[in-house]
Amino acid sequence: MPLLLFVALIGATVGGLLARQRKGELQRVNEQLRQINVALRSLSYAPIGGRISEKESGKNFFRNQELEKDFLEFKTALELAKSLKDLTEEKKAAKGLGASLQRQGKYQEAIKYHSMVLAISDLEGEDSGNIEAYGAIVDCYTELGDLEKAGILYEKYIARLETD
């Protein structure tokens, strides 16, 4: 019995020492992570919140038919995205600008921004939103009375619909 008690005492001592060692390691790792987190928070190279807020503000103005305001918000979002070289956000802002101008009846300018969506898609190698862009460009050319260009793009629009 004393031998069993002695083995248990040694086991408890070793277990306690290992637990204390693990606690020290965890505290050290936790402190390192806190320092990394503080350093990351101090970096100011990516104003993500600002970029998203302009785009979201533009969407809200668009829904509320405040077309001049949404144009300005989407324009700011586009400039921010370009300065950050963020093609995805640039594409979203261009889509918003095109839709805003289209609603304002400024079809030539709208075509420019809808075409920008297609160009960015080619650069990214990712074609989400292209169907909507082709449809919007077709609508703009139709409103301008250029039915020949509208027809050509309408065929591309239909081809995209069939492949997706």
Protein backbone atom coordinates (compact mmCIF):
# COMPACT_ATOMS: atom_id res chain seq x y z
CA MET A 1 0.00 0.00 0.00
CA PRO A 2 2.76 2.53 0.81
CA LEU A 3 4.31 1.76 -2.59
CA LEU A 4 1.01 2.53 -4.34
CA LEU A 5 0.70 5.76 -2.37
CA PHE A 6 4.27 6.70 -3.29
CA VAL A 7 3.59 6.08 -7.03
CA ALA A 8 0.39 8.18 -6.82
CA LEU A 9 2.28 11.01 -5.13
CA ILE A 10 4.98 10.98 -7.83
CA GLY A 11 2.28 10.91 -10.56
CA ALA A 12 0.46 13.88 -9.01
CA THR A 13 3.71 15.83 -8.70
CA VAL A 14 4.68 15.19 -12.33
CA GLY A 15 1.14 16.04 -13.52
CA GLY A 16 1.20 19.29 -11.54
CA LEU A 17 4.58 20.28 -12.92
CA LEU A 18 3.43 19.59 -16.51
CA ALA A 19 0.23 21.57 -15.94
CA ARG A 20 2.23 24.52 -14.57
CA GLN A 21 4.56 24.32 -17.59
CA ARG A 22 1.58 24.30 -20.04
CA LYS A 23 0.05 27.26 -18.22
CA GLY A 24 3.30 29.20 -18.69
CA GLU A 25 3.40 28.34 -22.39
CA LEU A 26 -0.24 29.40 -22.84
CA GLN A 27 0.40 32.71 -21.10
CA ARG A 28 3.43 33.35 -23.32
CA VAL A 29 1.51 32.52 -26.53
CA ASN A 30 -1.45 34.61 -25.37
CA GLU A 31 0.82 37.61 -24.78
CA GLN A 32 2.37 37.20 -28.24
CA LEU A 33 -1.08 37.07 -29.85
CA ARG A 34 -2.13 40.22 -27.98
CA GLN A 35 0.96 42.04 -29.25
CA ILE A 36 0.27 40.90 -32.81
CA ASN A 37 -3.36 42.00 -32.51
CA VAL A 38 -2.34 45.45 -31.25
CA ALA A 39 0.16 45.79 -34.10
CA LEU A 40 -2.47 44.80 -36.69
CA ARG A 41 -4.98 47.28 -35.31
CA SER A 42 -2.46 50.08 -35.60
CA LEU A 43 -1.99 49.46 -39.34
CA SER A 44 -3.97 51.89 -41.46
CA TYR A 45 -3.37 50.61 -44.95
CA ALA A 46 -6.86 49.24 -45.67
CA PRO A 47 -9.86 51.44 -44.85
CA ILE A 48 -12.28 48.58 -45.40
CA GLY A 49 -15.07 50.09 -43.35
CA GLY A 50 -14.97 53.28 -45.40
CA ARG A 51 -15.10 51.45 -48.68
CA ILE A 52 -18.06 49.37 -47.64
CA SER A 53 -19.93 52.30 -46.13
CA GLU A 54 -19.78 54.32 -49.37
CA LYS A 55 -21.04 51.39 -51.39
CA GLU A 56 -23.79 50.65 -48.87
CA SER A 57 -24.79 54.33 -48.70
CA GLY A 58 -24.98 54.36 -52.48
CA LYS A 59 -27.26 51.32 -52.45
CA ASN A 60 -29.56 52.97 -49.91
CA PHE A 61 -29.76 56.20 -51.92
CA PHE A 62 -30.41 54.13 -55.05
CA ARG A 63 -33.31 52.30 -53.39
CA ASN A 64 -34.74 55.62 -52.21
CA GLN A 65 -34.48 57.14 -55.70
CA GLU A 66 -31.91 59.74 -54.56
CA LEU A 67 -29.95 59.36 -57.78
CA GLU A 68 -27.51 62.26 -57.45
CA LYS A 69 -26.51 61.17 -53.96
CA ASP A 70 -26.10 57.52 -54.90
CA PHE A 71 -23.99 58.54 -57.90
CA LEU A 72 -21.60 60.46 -55.63
CA GLU A 73 -21.37 57.59 -53.12
CA PHE A 74 -20.68 54.99 -55.82
CA LYS A 75 -18.14 57.35 -57.44
CA THR A 76 -16.32 57.70 -54.10
CA ALA A 77 -16.43 53.93 -53.60
CA LEU A 78 -14.98 53.42 -57.09
CA GLU A 79 -12.12 55.84 -56.43
CA LEU A 80 -11.36 54.14 -53.11
CA ALA A 81 -11.41 50.69 -54.70
CA LYS A 82 -9.08 51.88 -57.48
CA SER A 83 -6.65 53.38 -54.98
CA LEU A 84 -6.64 50.09 -53.06
CA LYS A 85 -6.41 48.07 -56.29
CA ASP A 86 -9.40 46.00 -55.14
CA LEU A 87 -10.95 44.74 -58.38
CA THR A 88 -13.95 43.11 -56.71
CA GLU A 89 -15.01 46.34 -54.97
CA GLU A 90 -14.19 48.31 -58.12
CA LYS A 91 -16.52 46.06 -60.08
CA LYS A 92 -19.33 46.49 -57.53
CA ALA A 93 -18.93 50.28 -57.53
CA ALA A 94 -18.89 50.39 -61.36
CA LYS A 95 -22.08 48.32 -61.41
CA GLY A 96 -23.73 50.79 -59.02
CA LEU A 97 -22.56 53.78 -61.06
CA GLY A 98 -23.89 52.26 -64.26
CA ALA A 99 -27.27 51.53 -62.71
CA SER A 100 -27.48 55.03 -61.24
CA LEU A 101 -26.66 56.72 -64.54
CA GLN A 102 -29.07 54.44 -66.36
CA ARG A 103 -31.88 55.50 -64.02
CA GLN A 104 -30.95 59.13 -64.61
CA GLY A 105 -31.27 58.59 -68.36
CA LYS A 106 -27.54 59.12 -68.99
CA TYR A 107 -27.22 56.03 -71.13
CA GLN A 108 -23.84 56.70 -72.81
CA GLU A 109 -22.14 57.17 -69.44
CA ALA A 110 -23.98 54.14 -68.04
CA ILE A 111 -22.66 52.00 -70.90
CA LYS A 112 -19.13 53.09 -69.97
CA TYR A 113 -19.51 51.83 -66.39
CA HIS A 114 -21.35 48.63 -67.35
CA SER A 115 -18.55 47.94 -69.83
CA MET A 116 -16.07 48.54 -67.00
CA VAL A 117 -17.76 45.69 -65.11
CA LEU A 118 -17.12 43.39 -68.08
CA ALA A 119 -13.49 44.56 -68.39
CA ILE A 120 -12.83 43.96 -64.69
CA SER A 121 -14.39 40.51 -65.00
CA ASP A 122 -11.93 39.72 -67.80
CA LEU A 123 -9.02 40.89 -65.63
CA GLU A 124 -10.21 38.83 -62.67
CA GLY A 125 -11.09 35.80 -64.75
CA GLU A 126 -14.37 35.71 -62.86
CA ASP A 127 -17.65 36.47 -64.62
CA SER A 128 -20.23 36.97 -61.88
CA GLY A 129 -22.38 39.95 -62.74
CA ASN A 130 -21.62 39.78 -66.46
CA ILE A 131 -25.13 38.71 -67.40
CA GLU A 132 -26.59 41.73 -65.61
CA ALA A 133 -23.99 44.01 -67.23
CA TYR A 134 -24.80 42.71 -70.73
CA GLY A 135 -28.52 43.13 -70.05
CA ALA A 136 -28.01 46.69 -68.80
CA ILE A 137 -25.88 47.61 -71.83
CA VAL A 138 -28.55 46.17 -74.14
CA ASP A 139 -31.19 48.26 -72.35
CA CYS A 140 -29.06 51.40 -72.70
CA TYR A 141 -28.46 50.89 -76.43
CA THR A 142 -32.17 50.19 -76.89
CA GLU A 143 -33.05 53.45 -75.11
CA LEU A 144 -30.54 55.30 -77.31
CA GLY A 145 -32.17 53.79 -80.41
CA ASP A 146 -29.06 51.87 -81.51
CA LEU A 147 -30.88 48.61 -82.10
CA GLU A 148 -28.03 47.07 -84.12
CA LYS A 149 -25.57 47.21 -81.19
CA ALA A 150 -28.35 46.22 -78.83
CA GLY A 151 -29.06 43.15 -80.97
CA ILE A 152 -25.41 42.06 -81.05
CA LEU A 153 -25.09 42.38 -77.29
CA TYR A 154 -28.47 40.75 -76.77
CA GLU A 155 -27.13 37.64 -78.48
CA LYS A 156 -24.17 37.60 -76.05
CA TYR A 157 -26.62 38.13 -73.20
CA ILE A 158 -28.73 35.13 -74.30
CA ALA A 159 -25.60 32.99 -74.80
CA ARG A 160 -24.50 33.77 -71.23
CA LEU A 161 -27.94 32.92 -69.90
CA GLU A 162 -27.83 29.56 -71.66
CA THR A 163 -24.35 28.68 -70.35
CA ASP A 164 -25.16 29.66 -66.76
